[in-house]
């Protein structure tokens, strides 16, 4: 599998394609804003007809999961799902198939002047291209 990830203001999937609004940034904040992760997973033919499990995690600069206090207690930002690609008909043998994934988030209360990384794990593996990082501006940047 080949992975491409992009930070965006918003993303959605329609007709098997990713639609990205405000994509390609790497600096945010310091105030919380909505955001999205646009992901394209290129699935090779030998990976068709298999269930694949993916997980997306937000990590801090030290590689620890980011945690937030909620009414239900301390929570991390994690998204999980599965996909299976049936063998497509009518394509030349050996043609990979793209799986678009769009994950949207409400404004997250991230610390200013900090570095964060979204990490995608598929079938227990962090593959090349499966991270995208960003930095939050310091509070003083707006003065």
C-alpha atoms as a PDB file:
ATOM      1  CA  UNK A   1       0.000   0.000   0.000  1.00  0.00           C
ATOM      2  CA  UNK A   2       1.035   3.557  -0.688  1.00  0.00           C
ATOM      3  CA  UNK A   3      -0.290   6.339   1.536  1.00  0.00           C
ATOM      4  CA  UNK A   4      -0.788  10.046   0.832  1.00  0.00           C
ATOM      5  CA  UNK A   5      -2.026  12.307   3.659  1.00  0.00           C
ATOM      6  CA  UNK A   6      -2.919  15.990   3.582  1.00  0.00           C
ATOM      7  CA  UNK A   7      -4.083  18.403   6.284  1.00  0.00           C
ATOM      8  CA  UNK A   8      -7.142  20.418   5.301  1.00  0.00           C
ATOM      9  CA  UNK A   9      -9.857  22.676   6.634  1.00  0.00           C
ATOM     10  CA  UNK A  10     -12.468  20.128   5.495  1.00  0.00           C
ATOM     11  CA  UNK A  11     -12.644  16.986   3.350  1.00  0.00           C
ATOM     12  CA  UNK A  12     -15.310  14.675   2.028  1.00  0.00           C
ATOM     13  CA  UNK A  13     -15.704  11.690  -0.263  1.00  0.00           C
ATOM     14  CA  UNK A  14     -18.098  11.672  -3.203  1.00  0.00           C
ATOM     15  CA  UNK A  15     -18.144   9.284  -6.152  1.00  0.00           C
ATOM     16  CA  UNK A  16     -14.974   7.609  -4.881  1.00  0.00           C
ATOM     17  CA  UNK A  17     -12.993  10.851  -4.926  1.00  0.00           C
ATOM     18  CA  UNK A  18     -11.621  13.131  -2.212  1.00  0.00           C
ATOM     19  CA  UNK A  19     -12.902  16.690  -2.158  1.00  0.00           C
ATOM     20  CA  UNK A  20     -10.559  18.913  -0.153  1.00  0.00           C
ATOM     21  CA  UNK A  21     -11.193  22.449   1.094  1.00  0.00           C
ATOM     22  CA  UNK A  22      -8.257  24.523   2.333  1.00  0.00           C
ATOM     23  CA  UNK A  23      -5.766  21.685   1.947  1.00  0.00           C
ATOM     24  CA  UNK A  24      -2.018  21.639   2.337  1.00  0.00           C
ATOM     25  CA  UNK A  25      -1.359  23.619   5.498  1.00  0.00           C
ATOM     26  CA  UNK A  26       1.137  22.831   8.262  1.00  0.00           C
ATOM     27  CA  UNK A  27       0.665  25.755  10.684  1.00  0.00           C
ATOM     28  CA  UNK A  28      -2.523  26.375  12.657  1.00  0.00           C
ATOM     29  CA  UNK A  29      -3.926  28.233  15.621  1.00  0.00           C
ATOM     30  CA  UNK A  30      -3.250  29.236  18.226  1.00  0.00           C
ATOM     31  CA  UNK A  31      -7.053  29.235  18.571  1.00  0.00           C
ATOM     32  CA  UNK A  32      -8.846  25.929  17.960  1.00  0.00           C
ATOM     33  CA  UNK A  33     -10.232  25.553  14.431  1.00  0.00           C
ATOM     34  CA  UNK A  34     -11.994  22.726  12.578  1.00  0.00           C
ATOM     35  CA  UNK A  35      -9.656  20.536  10.569  1.00  0.00           C
ATOM     36  CA  UNK A  36      -9.564  17.402   8.459  1.00  0.00           C
ATOM     37  CA  UNK A  37      -7.215  14.717   7.258  1.00  0.00           C
ATOM     38  CA  UNK A  38      -7.532  13.725   3.595  1.00  0.00           C
ATOM     39  CA  UNK A  39      -6.038  10.285   2.990  1.00  0.00           C
ATOM     40  CA  UNK A  40      -5.502   8.295  -0.203  1.00  0.00           C
ATOM     41  CA  UNK A  41      -4.590   4.643   0.225  1.00  0.00           C
ATOM     42  CA  UNK A  42      -3.354   2.944  -2.945  1.00  0.00           C
ATOM     43  CA  UNK A  43      -4.220  -0.740  -2.596  1.00  0.00           C
ATOM     44  CA  UNK A  44      -2.209  -3.208  -4.671  1.00  0.00           C
ATOM     45  CA  UNK A  45      -3.943  -6.153  -6.400  1.00  0.00           C
ATOM     46  CA  UNK A  46      -2.499  -8.740  -3.999  1.00  0.00           C
ATOM     47  CA  UNK A  47      -4.296  -6.820  -1.192  1.00  0.00           C
ATOM     48  CA  UNK A  48      -7.770  -7.033  -2.807  1.00  0.00           C
ATOM     49  CA  UNK A  49     -10.457  -9.191  -1.165  1.00  0.00           C
ATOM     50  CA  UNK A  50      -8.809  -8.790   2.262  1.00  0.00           C
ATOM     51  CA  UNK A  51     -10.225  -6.899   5.208  1.00  0.00           C
ATOM     52  CA  UNK A  52      -7.919  -4.017   6.160  1.00  0.00           C
ATOM     53  CA  UNK A  53      -8.151  -2.184   9.485  1.00  0.00           C
ATOM     54  CA  UNK A  54      -6.938   1.401   9.848  1.00  0.00           C
ATOM     55  CA  UNK A  55      -6.371   3.607  12.875  1.00  0.00           C
ATOM     56  CA  UNK A  56      -5.573   7.324  13.005  1.00  0.00           C
ATOM     57  CA  UNK A  57      -3.930   8.845  16.097  1.00  0.00           C
ATOM     58  CA  UNK A  58      -2.898  12.356  17.113  1.00  0.00           C
ATOM     59  CA  UNK A  59       0.556  12.432  18.741  1.00  0.00           C
ATOM     60  CA  UNK A  60       2.586  15.182  20.373  1.00  0.00           C
ATOM     61  CA  UNK A  61       6.211  16.031  19.503  1.00  0.00           C
ATOM     62  CA  UNK A  62       7.435  13.231  21.783  1.00  0.00           C
ATOM     63  CA  UNK A  63       5.291  10.598  20.048  1.00  0.00           C
ATOM     64  CA  UNK A  64       2.776  10.331  22.901  1.00  0.00           C
ATOM     65  CA  UNK A  65      -0.949  10.209  22.230  1.00  0.00           C
ATOM     66  CA  UNK A  66      -2.571  13.614  22.780  1.00  0.00           C
ATOM     67  CA  UNK A  67      -5.071  13.473  25.647  1.00  0.00           C
ATOM     68  CA  UNK A  68      -7.978  15.747  26.566  1.00  0.00           C
ATOM     69  CA  UNK A  69     -10.180  16.001  29.637  1.00  0.00           C
ATOM     70  CA  UNK A  70     -13.811  15.257  28.798  1.00  0.00           C
ATOM     71  CA  UNK A  71     -16.936  14.693  30.918  1.00  0.00           C
ATOM     72  CA  UNK A  72     -16.271  10.958  30.424  1.00  0.00           C
ATOM     73  CA  UNK A  73     -12.665  11.298  31.643  1.00  0.00           C
ATOM     74  CA  UNK A  74      -9.360  11.527  29.795  1.00  0.00           C
ATOM     75  CA  UNK A  75      -9.717  10.719  26.079  1.00  0.00           C
ATOM     76  CA  UNK A  76      -7.290  10.445  23.178  1.00  0.00           C
ATOM     77  CA  UNK A  77      -8.039  11.432  19.586  1.00  0.00           C
ATOM     78  CA  UNK A  78      -8.365   8.134  17.739  1.00  0.00           C
ATOM     79  CA  UNK A  79     -10.391   7.124  14.691  1.00  0.00           C
ATOM     80  CA  UNK A  80     -10.723   3.521  13.501  1.00  0.00           C
ATOM     81  CA  UNK A  81     -12.395   1.837  10.567  1.00  0.00           C
ATOM     82  CA  UNK A  82     -12.086  -0.989   8.050  1.00  0.00           C
ATOM     83  CA  UNK A  83     -12.143  -1.368   4.281  1.00  0.00           C
ATOM     84  CA  UNK A  84     -12.099  -4.214   1.776  1.00  0.00           C
ATOM     85  CA  UNK A  85     -11.474  -3.744  -1.931  1.00  0.00           C
ATOM     86  CA  UNK A  86     -13.233  -6.246  -4.169  1.00  0.00           C
ATOM     87  CA  UNK A  87     -11.312  -7.293  -7.257  1.00  0.00           C
ATOM     88  CA  UNK A  88     -12.401  -4.724  -9.849  1.00  0.00           C
ATOM     89  CA  UNK A  89     -13.780  -5.957 -13.150  1.00  0.00           C
ATOM     90  CA  UNK A  90     -12.624  -4.539 -16.441  1.00  0.00           C
ATOM     91  CA  UNK A  91      -9.278  -3.163 -15.293  1.00  0.00           C
ATOM     92  CA  UNK A  92      -5.949  -4.392 -16.637  1.00  0.00           C
ATOM     93  CA  UNK A  93      -4.263  -6.977 -14.393  1.00  0.00           C
ATOM     94  CA  UNK A  94      -1.975  -5.377 -11.823  1.00  0.00           C
ATOM     95  CA  UNK A  95      -3.923  -2.101 -11.576  1.00  0.00           C
ATOM     96  CA  UNK A  96      -3.980  -0.720  -8.022  1.00  0.00           C
ATOM     97  CA  UNK A  97      -7.161   0.847  -6.617  1.00  0.00           C
ATOM     98  CA  UNK A  98      -7.336   4.032  -4.523  1.00  0.00           C
ATOM     99  CA  UNK A  99      -9.297   4.158  -1.280  1.00  0.00           C
ATOM    100  CA  UNK A 100     -10.175   7.720  -0.249  1.00  0.00           C
ATOM    101  CA  UNK A 101     -10.596   8.459   3.466  1.00  0.00           C
ATOM    102  CA  UNK A 102     -11.789  11.801   4.858  1.00  0.00           C
ATOM    103  CA  UNK A 103     -11.762  12.427   8.609  1.00  0.00           C
ATOM    104  CA  UNK A 104     -13.117  15.742   9.880  1.00  0.00           C
ATOM    105  CA  UNK A 105     -12.569  17.096  13.384  1.00  0.00           C
ATOM    106  CA  UNK A 106     -14.238  19.840  15.385  1.00  0.00           C
ATOM    107  CA  UNK A 107     -11.970  22.520  16.873  1.00  0.00           C
ATOM    108  CA  UNK A 108      -9.473  20.714  19.117  1.00  0.00           C
ATOM    109  CA  UNK A 109      -8.049  22.547  22.152  1.00  0.00           C
ATOM    110  CA  UNK A 110      -4.392  22.064  21.210  1.00  0.00           C
ATOM    111  CA  UNK A 111      -1.573  23.747  23.109  1.00  0.00           C
ATOM    112  CA  UNK A 112      -0.107  26.789  21.339  1.00  0.00           C
ATOM    113  CA  UNK A 113       3.513  26.751  20.149  1.00  0.00           C
ATOM    114  CA  UNK A 114       3.519  22.948  19.846  1.00  0.00           C
ATOM    115  CA  UNK A 115       4.190  20.286  17.218  1.00  0.00           C
ATOM    116  CA  UNK A 116       1.710  17.500  16.452  1.00  0.00           C
ATOM    117  CA  UNK A 117       1.584  14.503  14.120  1.00  0.00           C
ATOM    118  CA  UNK A 118      -1.333  12.523  12.763  1.00  0.00           C
ATOM    119  CA  UNK A 119      -0.236   8.875  12.407  1.00  0.00           C
ATOM    120  CA  UNK A 120      -2.114   6.367  10.244  1.00  0.00           C
ATOM    121  CA  UNK A 121      -1.652   2.678  10.975  1.00  0.00           C
ATOM    122  CA  UNK A 122      -3.023   0.090   8.551  1.00  0.00           C
ATOM    123  CA  UNK A 123      -3.142  -3.559   9.563  1.00  0.00           C
ATOM    124  CA  UNK A 124      -0.811  -2.746  12.457  1.00  0.00           C
ATOM    125  CA  UNK A 125       1.837  -1.072  10.281  1.00  0.00           C
ATOM    126  CA  UNK A 126       2.962   2.543   9.886  1.00  0.00           C
ATOM    127  CA  UNK A 127       3.704   2.722   6.179  1.00  0.00           C
ATOM    128  CA  UNK A 128       5.706   5.302   4.230  1.00  0.00           C
ATOM    129  CA  UNK A 129       3.639   8.466   3.899  1.00  0.00           C
ATOM    130  CA  UNK A 130       1.405   7.561   6.846  1.00  0.00           C
ATOM    131  CA  UNK A 131       2.162  10.656   8.929  1.00  0.00           C
ATOM    132  CA  UNK A 132       1.449  14.339   8.515  1.00  0.00           C
ATOM    133  CA  UNK A 133       2.650  16.943  11.005  1.00  0.00           C
ATOM    134  CA  UNK A 134       1.720  20.496  11.903  1.00  0.00           C
ATOM    135  CA  UNK A 135       2.639  23.235  14.351  1.00  0.00           C
ATOM    136  CA  UNK A 136       0.382  25.514  16.376  1.00  0.00           C
ATOM    137  CA  UNK A 137       1.340  29.184  16.488  1.00  0.00           C
ATOM    138  CA  UNK A 138       2.429  30.706  19.788  1.00  0.00           C
ATOM    139  CA  UNK A 139      -0.071  33.003  21.505  1.00  0.00           C
ATOM    140  CA  UNK A 140       2.276  35.955  21.013  1.00  0.00           C
ATOM    141  CA  UNK A 141       2.205  35.526  17.229  1.00  0.00           C
ATOM    142  CA  UNK A 142      -1.070  37.447  17.074  1.00  0.00           C
ATOM    143  CA  UNK A 143       0.037  40.467  19.115  1.00  0.00           C
END
